[in-house]
Amino acid sequence: MLEDLRKLVEVESPSCDLEALSASAKTVAAVIENRLGGQATLIHSEAGPHVHWSGGGDPKVLILGHHDTVFPLGTLERRPFMVQESHATGPGVFDMLGGLVQAIHGLAALEHRSGVEILVTADEEVGSRSSRALIEERALACGAVLVFEGAADGGALKTGRKGCGTFRVSITGRASHAGLEPAAGVNALIEASHQVLDIAALGRPEIGTTVTPTVASAGTLDNVVPAEATVIVDVRVESAEEKGRIESAFAALAPHIDEAEITVQGAVGRPPMPESASTELFAMAQRLLPGLDGAAVGGGSDGNFTAALGVPTLDGLGAVGGGAHADHEYIVVDSMAERVNLVTGLVNAIRASRET
């Protein structure tokens, strides 16, 4: 497993870098074919190649993951793949190359692979716009989805996820000289300040809704009334009702300053993954590994899409570790074999349940 993990980590795969993602997809396909046989197909898209493999027969379970990472080219030189004191480190080991390796080796231990599909996408980290339709198609065809994102704290599986989205609020004002005639301008920065307060007030953390302005920009020079400003907002919700409320509230944002104009782009693009979507599969996992915990988490994944379709979905089956998207990212090597055995058992249990 560590040999395969090294192969994947050492082919850097930042989202949106088509050349790098092409090389990464070929490496993922080669590892799959080497361990499982058959042929992995590269499905080309504007975001880079997705990798699809099938064990044949009637589809019953979809193994879902992604090979793009958040780290820019050159990260590997600064932070190479290493294994020390039972931790493996390197860009993408936890999110989510370690999970891919565990999934592949779990399937390799099966007596037969009929009914199993693997889909490894190229754009999960940037919203899955090119892969969503394919993910949904294969999820509906298979009827059960196992997602190999990294585990929650302590190795818990992810039994629910918030819906998440990003909104971009653009404010247009009018420039003027800040010293000679400031009143002739329409200050987009002041309007943006009003909007930030209005937007932050939309949050309802007591029911799981967080609305967090995260990035803002305005102005050009220190003596010019700013004519433009932009605010980026991260949104997380636990219910479809809150998704609708938040999207309506952003659409209804209105300027406070005369002649200022507001344009809003964005949506809660990943619907919530309710815990009910994982009930059946999580019960199977607990029978295989007694004492296994589950957790609902704030981050989103492609499992949000499959759960929203009503397809049973269990997430967090990937590596045990931490530090996703950070320089201290790591996985716990000693936990890998146990998770591989869980994959094998889960796939067998799902296939058996679909045959009765």
Protein backbone atom coordinates (compact mmCIF):
# COMPACT_ATOMS: atom_id res chain seq x y z
CA MET A 1 0.00 0.00 0.00
CA LEU A 2 2.80 2.42 0.83
CA GLU A 3 4.39 1.70 -2.53
CA ASP A 4 1.15 2.60 -4.31
CA LEU A 5 0.64 5.65 -2.12
CA ARG A 6 4.10 6.91 -3.00
CA LYS A 7 3.30 6.54 -6.72
CA LEU A 8 0.16 8.64 -6.38
CA VAL A 9 1.66 11.34 -4.15
CA GLU A 10 4.72 11.78 -6.35
CA VAL A 11 2.58 12.74 -9.35
CA GLU A 12 1.30 16.14 -8.23
CA SER A 13 -2.32 16.87 -9.15
CA PRO A 14 -3.46 20.41 -8.37
CA SER A 15 -7.05 21.13 -9.39
CA CYS A 16 -7.42 22.89 -12.76
CA ASP A 17 -3.91 21.99 -13.96
CA LEU A 18 -4.92 19.85 -16.92
CA GLU A 19 -1.45 18.57 -17.73
CA ALA A 20 -0.77 17.53 -14.14
CA LEU A 21 -4.22 15.97 -13.77
CA SER A 22 -3.75 13.99 -16.98
CA ALA A 23 -0.55 12.49 -15.60
CA SER A 24 -2.24 11.82 -12.26
CA ALA A 25 -5.23 10.11 -13.87
CA LYS A 26 -2.95 7.80 -15.82
CA THR A 27 -1.13 6.89 -12.61
CA VAL A 28 -4.39 6.19 -10.76
CA ALA A 29 -5.56 4.04 -13.67
CA ALA A 30 -2.28 2.10 -13.69
CA VAL A 31 -2.50 1.37 -9.95
CA ILE A 32 -6.11 0.18 -10.34
CA GLU A 33 -5.26 -2.07 -13.28
CA ASN A 34 -2.18 -3.47 -11.55
CA ARG A 35 -4.09 -4.43 -8.40
CA LEU A 36 -7.53 -5.30 -9.81
CA GLY A 37 -7.01 -6.26 -13.44
CA GLY A 38 -9.30 -5.14 -16.22
CA GLN A 39 -9.09 -1.74 -17.83
CA ALA A 40 -9.60 1.66 -16.24
CA THR A 41 -11.12 4.22 -18.59
CA LEU A 42 -10.11 7.87 -18.66
CA ILE A 43 -13.17 10.09 -19.14
CA HIS A 44 -11.98 13.45 -20.40
CA SER A 45 -13.61 16.68 -19.24
CA GLU A 46 -12.89 20.38 -19.19
CA ALA A 47 -11.60 19.93 -15.63
CA GLY A 48 -9.28 17.03 -16.43
CA PRO A 49 -9.64 13.26 -16.77
CA HIS A 50 -11.90 11.25 -14.48
CA VAL A 51 -11.02 7.57 -13.96
CA HIS A 52 -13.68 4.85 -14.18
CA TRP A 53 -13.28 1.11 -13.61
CA SER A 54 -15.84 -1.69 -13.45
CA GLY A 55 -15.60 -5.23 -12.15
CA GLY A 56 -18.41 -6.25 -14.48
CA GLY A 57 -21.85 -7.67 -13.79
CA ASP A 58 -24.84 -5.78 -12.47
CA PRO A 59 -23.61 -2.65 -10.63
CA LYS A 60 -24.29 -2.75 -6.90
CA VAL A 61 -21.76 -0.47 -5.20
CA LEU A 62 -19.85 2.63 -6.31
CA ILE A 63 -16.43 3.41 -4.84
CA LEU A 64 -16.14 7.20 -5.07
CA GLY A 65 -13.09 9.42 -4.74
CA HIS A 66 -11.04 12.14 -6.40
CA HIS A 67 -7.43 12.54 -7.47
CA ASP A 68 -7.15 16.33 -7.58
CA THR A 69 -5.54 18.09 -4.62
CA VAL A 70 -5.36 21.66 -3.34
CA PHE A 71 -1.57 21.89 -3.40
CA PRO A 72 0.25 23.80 -6.18
CA LEU A 73 3.01 22.30 -8.28
CA GLY A 74 6.29 22.36 -6.39
CA THR A 75 4.79 21.39 -3.03
CA LEU A 76 6.28 17.90 -3.37
CA GLU A 77 9.81 19.30 -3.55
CA ARG A 78 9.26 21.16 -0.29
CA ARG A 79 7.26 18.40 1.37
CA PRO A 80 8.19 15.03 -0.16
CA PHE A 81 6.45 11.74 0.57
CA MET A 82 7.84 10.29 3.80
CA VAL A 83 7.01 7.57 6.31
CA GLN A 84 8.20 8.23 9.86
CA GLU A 85 6.98 6.94 13.22
CA SER A 86 3.84 5.37 11.71
CA HIS A 87 2.83 8.56 9.90
CA ALA A 88 2.92 8.97 6.14
CA THR A 89 3.15 12.56 4.94
CA GLY A 90 3.15 14.38 1.63
CA PRO A 91 0.76 16.51 -0.43
CA GLY A 92 -2.62 14.80 -0.70
CA VAL A 93 -1.96 11.77 1.51
CA PHE A 94 -5.04 12.42 3.68
CA ASP A 95 -7.23 14.22 1.16
CA MET A 96 -7.51 11.78 -0.38
CA LEU A 97 -4.84 9.61 -1.96
CA GLY A 98 -4.51 7.37 1.08
CA GLY A 99 -8.21 6.60 0.84
CA LEU A 100 -7.89 5.65 -2.82
CA VAL A 101 -5.11 3.21 -2.02
CA GLN A 102 -7.12 1.62 0.79
CA ALA A 103 -10.16 1.27 -1.46
CA ILE A 104 -8.18 -0.40 -4.24
CA HIS A 105 -6.49 -2.85 -1.87
CA GLY A 106 -9.79 -3.60 -0.17
CA LEU A 107 -11.27 -4.58 -3.53
CA ALA A 108 -8.15 -6.60 -4.37
CA ALA A 109 -8.93 -8.85 -1.39
CA LEU A 110 -12.37 -9.79 -2.77
CA GLU A 111 -12.87 -13.26 -4.22
CA HIS A 112 -14.57 -11.60 -7.19
CA ARG A 113 -15.22 -7.97 -8.13
CA SER A 114 -18.51 -8.30 -9.96
CA GLY A 115 -20.93 -5.49 -9.22
CA VAL A 116 -18.26 -3.02 -8.10
CA GLU A 117 -17.38 0.24 -9.83
CA ILE A 118 -14.72 2.85 -9.06
CA LEU A 119 -15.04 6.51 -10.04
CA VAL A 120 -12.14 8.85 -9.27
CA THR A 121 -12.87 12.42 -10.35
CA ALA A 122 -10.59 15.32 -11.25
CA ASP A 123 -12.47 18.32 -9.84
CA GLU A 124 -13.89 17.61 -6.37
CA GLU A 125 -11.78 20.28 -4.73
CA VAL A 126 -13.22 22.96 -7.03
CA GLY A 127 -16.90 22.06 -6.90
CA SER A 128 -17.30 18.96 -9.12
CA ARG A 129 -18.99 20.94 -11.88
CA SER A 130 -17.69 18.68 -14.67
CA SER A 131 -18.15 15.42 -12.77
CA ARG A 132 -21.47 15.87 -10.95
CA ALA A 133 -23.66 14.42 -13.70
CA LEU A 134 -21.39 11.39 -14.05
CA ILE A 135 -21.29 10.87 -10.27
CA GLU A 136 -25.07 10.99 -10.07
CA GLU A 137 -25.49 8.66 -13.05
CA ARG A 138 -23.22 5.97 -11.62
CA ALA A 139 -24.63 6.35 -8.09
CA LEU A 140 -28.17 5.75 -9.34
CA ALA A 141 -26.99 2.80 -11.41
CA CYS A 142 -25.16 1.17 -8.51
CA GLY A 143 -27.61 1.90 -5.69
CA ALA A 144 -25.01 2.31 -2.91
CA VAL A 145 -22.01 4.62 -2.56
CA LEU A 146 -18.87 4.37 -0.44
CA VAL A 147 -16.89 7.63 -0.32
CA PHE A 148 -13.20 7.49 0.50
CA GLU A 149 -12.59 10.95 1.88
CA GLY A 150 -10.42 10.98 5.01
CA ALA A 151 -11.98 9.81 8.27
CA ALA A 152 -13.36 12.18 10.88
CA ASP A 153 -11.56 12.72 14.20
CA GLY A 154 -10.53 9.49 15.85
CA GLY A 155 -11.21 7.45 12.72
CA ALA A 156 -14.98 7.98 12.79
CA LEU A 157 -16.92 7.54 9.58
CA LYS A 158 -18.80 10.54 8.20
CA THR A 159 -22.49 9.79 8.50
CA GLY A 160 -23.77 13.25 7.56
CA ARG A 161 -22.47 16.41 5.94
CA LYS A 162 -23.68 19.96 5.69
CA GLY A 163 -24.64 21.41 2.36
CA CYS A 164 -22.11 24.00 1.32
CA GLY A 165 -21.71 26.77 -1.19
CA THR A 166 -19.90 29.97 -2.05
CA PHE A 167 -21.45 33.33 -2.89
CA ARG A 168 -19.73 36.27 -4.57
CA VAL A 169 -21.25 39.67 -3.84
CA SER A 170 -20.02 42.40 -6.22
CA ILE A 171 -20.66 46.06 -5.43
CA THR A 172 -20.42 48.81 -8.04
CA GLY A 173 -20.11 52.44 -6.98
CA ARG A 174 -18.48 55.47 -8.59
CA ALA A 175 -14.94 56.72 -8.29
CA SER A 176 -14.01 60.27 -7.33
CA HIS A 177 -11.09 62.13 -5.79
CA ALA A 178 -11.04 61.34 -2.08
CA GLY A 179 -9.70 64.79 -1.20
CA LEU A 180 -11.19 67.18 -3.75
CA GLU A 181 -14.73 65.81 -4.10
CA PRO A 182 -15.37 62.69 -2.01
CA ALA A 183 -19.13 63.36 -2.01
CA ALA A 184 -19.17 63.02 -5.81
CA GLY A 185 -18.31 59.37 -5.51
CA VAL A 186 -20.33 56.32 -4.49
CA ASN A 187 -18.13 54.45 -2.03
CA ALA A 188 -18.28 50.74 -2.83
CA LEU A 189 -16.20 49.90 0.23
CA ILE A 190 -18.71 51.48 2.61
CA GLU A 191 -21.52 49.66 0.82
CA ALA A 192 -19.56 46.42 1.13
CA SER A 193 -19.25 47.03 4.88
CA HIS A 194 -23.02 47.27 5.18
CA GLN A 195 -23.41 44.11 3.13
CA VAL A 196 -20.94 42.15 5.27
CA LEU A 197 -23.01 42.90 8.37
CA ASP A 198 -26.26 41.99 6.62
CA ILE A 199 -24.77 38.76 5.28
CA ALA A 200 -23.26 37.68 8.60
CA ALA A 201 -26.66 38.17 10.25
CA LEU A 202 -28.12 35.44 8.01
CA GLY A 203 -26.37 32.71 9.98
CA ARG A 204 -28.32 30.51 12.38
CA PRO A 205 -25.63 28.47 14.11
CA GLU A 206 -28.16 27.05 16.57
CA ILE A 207 -29.62 25.00 13.69
CA GLY A 208 -26.32 24.42 11.91
CA THR A 209 -26.38 27.30 9.42
CA THR A 210 -23.13 29.24 9.18
CA VAL A 211 -22.68 32.24 6.86
CA THR A 212 -19.10 33.46 6.92
CA PRO A 213 -17.64 36.31 4.85
CA THR A 214 -14.13 35.08 4.07
CA VAL A 215 -12.51 37.28 1.41
CA ALA A 216 -13.03 40.96 0.60
CA SER A 217 -11.39 43.39 -1.80
CA ALA A 218 -11.98 47.03 -2.71
CA GLY A 219 -10.33 50.14 -4.06
CA THR A 220 -7.38 51.01 -6.24
CA LEU A 221 -5.47 53.94 -4.68
CA ASP A 222 -5.48 55.61 -1.29
CA ASN A 223 -6.80 58.90 -2.72
CA VAL A 224 -9.64 57.43 -4.82
CA VAL A 225 -13.16 56.71 -3.60
CA PRO A 226 -13.48 52.99 -4.47
CA ALA A 227 -15.79 52.24 -7.36
CA GLU A 228 -15.81 48.47 -6.90
CA ALA A 229 -15.74 45.97 -4.06
CA THR A 230 -16.19 42.22 -3.76
CA VAL A 231 -17.12 39.99 -0.83
CA ILE A 232 -16.80 36.19 -0.93
CA VAL A 233 -18.97 34.22 1.50
CA ASP A 234 -18.81 30.60 2.67
CA VAL A 235 -22.19 29.03 3.54
CA ARG A 236 -22.97 25.73 5.32
CA VAL A 237 -26.49 24.38 5.96
CA GLU A 238 -27.97 21.19 7.40
CA SER A 239 -31.36 21.19 5.66
CA ALA A 240 -32.94 21.82 2.28
CA GLU A 241 -35.15 24.45 3.92
CA GLU A 242 -32.14 26.43 5.04
CA LYS A 243 -30.58 26.07 1.59
CA GLY A 244 -33.67 27.74 0.12
CA ARG A 245 -33.79 30.46 2.76
CA ILE A 246 -30.14 31.39 2.30
CA GLU A 247 -30.30 31.45 -1.49
CA SER A 248 -33.40 33.66 -1.36
CA ALA A 249 -31.77 35.99 1.16
CA PHE A 250 -28.71 36.50 -1.04
CA ALA A 251 -30.92 37.16 -4.05
CA ALA A 252 -32.77 39.82 -2.02
CA LEU A 253 -29.70 41.77 -0.86
CA ALA A 254 -30.28 45.49 -1.44
CA PRO A 255 -27.90 48.48 -1.36
CA HIS A 256 -27.82 50.88 1.56
CA ILE A 257 -26.20 53.74 -0.36
CA ASP A 258 -27.97 55.60 -3.16
CA GLU A 259 -26.67 54.70 -6.63
CA ALA A 260 -24.71 51.69 -5.39
CA GLU A 261 -25.45 48.48 -7.28
CA ILE A 262 -25.17 44.87 -6.10
CA THR A 263 -24.71 41.68 -8.12
CA VAL A 264 -24.81 38.24 -6.46
CA GLN A 265 -23.44 35.02 -7.91
CA GLY A 266 -23.40 31.58 -6.33
CA ALA A 267 -25.57 29.00 -4.62
CA VAL A 268 -25.44 26.20 -2.08
CA GLY A 269 -24.02 23.93 -4.74
CA ARG A 270 -23.61 20.80 -2.62
CA PRO A 271 -26.92 19.84 -1.00
CA PRO A 272 -26.91 18.55 2.58
CA MET A 273 -26.13 14.88 3.19
CA PRO A 274 -28.65 13.87 5.88
CA GLU A 275 -27.59 11.25 8.40
CA SER A 276 -30.53 9.14 7.25
CA ALA A 277 -28.64 8.52 3.98
CA SER A 278 -25.95 6.55 5.82
CA THR A 279 -28.09 4.59 8.31
CA GLU A 280 -28.12 1.26 6.46
CA LEU A 281 -24.47 1.29 5.41
CA PHE A 282 -23.19 2.56 8.75
CA ALA A 283 -24.99 -0.28 10.53
CA MET A 284 -23.18 -2.73 8.24
CA ALA A 285 -19.85 -1.06 9.04
CA GLN A 286 -20.48 -1.26 12.79
CA ARG A 287 -21.26 -4.96 12.54
CA LEU A 288 -17.94 -5.46 10.78
CA LEU A 289 -15.98 -3.21 13.13
CA PRO A 290 -17.71 -2.98 16.54
CA GLY A 291 -17.11 0.29 18.33
CA LEU A 292 -16.72 2.25 15.10
CA ASP A 293 -18.00 5.80 15.57
CA GLY A 294 -19.87 8.04 13.17
CA ALA A 295 -19.95 11.82 12.98
CA ALA A 296 -21.82 14.51 11.09
CA VAL A 297 -19.34 17.09 9.78
CA GLY A 298 -19.41 20.55 8.28
CA GLY A 299 -17.37 19.93 5.16
CA GLY A 300 -18.87 18.78 1.88
CA SER A 301 -17.90 16.03 -0.55
CA ASP A 302 -19.27 14.31 -3.63
CA GLY A 303 -21.25 12.15 -1.22
CA ASN A 304 -23.56 15.15 -0.79
CA PHE A 305 -24.69 14.72 -4.39
CA THR A 306 -25.35 11.00 -4.14
CA ALA A 307 -27.16 11.24 -0.80
CA ALA A 308 -29.42 13.98 -2.18
CA LEU A 309 -30.59 11.49 -4.81
CA GLY A 310 -31.73 9.12 -2.08
CA VAL A 311 -28.87 6.68 -2.75
CA PRO A 312 -27.48 5.13 0.46
CA THR A 313 -24.11 6.81 1.02
CA LEU A 314 -21.38 6.35 3.62
CA ASP A 315 -18.43 8.74 3.76
CA GLY A 316 -15.13 9.04 5.62
CA LEU A 317 -13.97 5.54 4.70
CA GLY A 318 -10.57 6.84 3.68
CA ALA A 319 -7.40 7.25 5.65
CA VAL A 320 -7.24 7.88 9.39
CA GLY A 321 -5.16 10.99 9.97
CA GLY A 322 -5.58 14.73 9.78
CA GLY A 323 -4.40 18.08 8.47
CA ALA A 324 -6.47 18.17 5.29
CA HIS A 325 -5.34 21.05 3.03
CA ALA A 326 -2.49 21.91 5.44
CA ASP A 327 1.26 21.40 5.51
CA HIS A 328 1.00 19.00 8.47
CA GLU A 329 -1.30 16.61 6.56
CA TYR A 330 -0.66 12.98 7.53
CA ILE A 331 -2.17 9.52 7.67
CA VAL A 332 -1.71 6.84 10.34
CA VAL A 333 -0.05 3.90 8.62
CA ASP A 334 -0.98 1.38 11.34
CA SER A 335 -4.68 1.98 10.64
CA MET A 336 -4.54 1.19 6.93
CA ALA A 337 -4.92 -2.59 7.13
CA GLU A 338 -8.01 -2.34 9.36
CA ARG A 339 -9.66 0.08 6.94
CA VAL A 340 -8.82 -2.16 3.99
CA ASN A 341 -10.53 -5.08 5.73
CA LEU A 342 -13.55 -2.83 6.36
CA VAL A 343 -13.76 -2.07 2.64
CA THR A 344 -13.70 -5.76 1.75
CA GLY A 345 -16.36 -6.59 4.31
CA LEU A 346 -18.61 -3.69 3.36
CA VAL A 347 -18.57 -4.48 -0.33
CA ASN A 348 -19.39 -8.12 0.37
CA ALA A 349 -22.21 -7.11 2.74
CA ILE A 350 -23.70 -4.65 0.26
CA ARG A 351 -23.61 -7.13 -2.61
CA ALA A 352 -25.21 -9.80 -0.43
CA SER A 353 -27.97 -7.43 0.66
CA ARG A 354 -28.75 -6.53 -2.95
CA GLU A 355 -29.05 -10.21 -3.92
CA THR A 356 -31.66 -11.13 -1.30
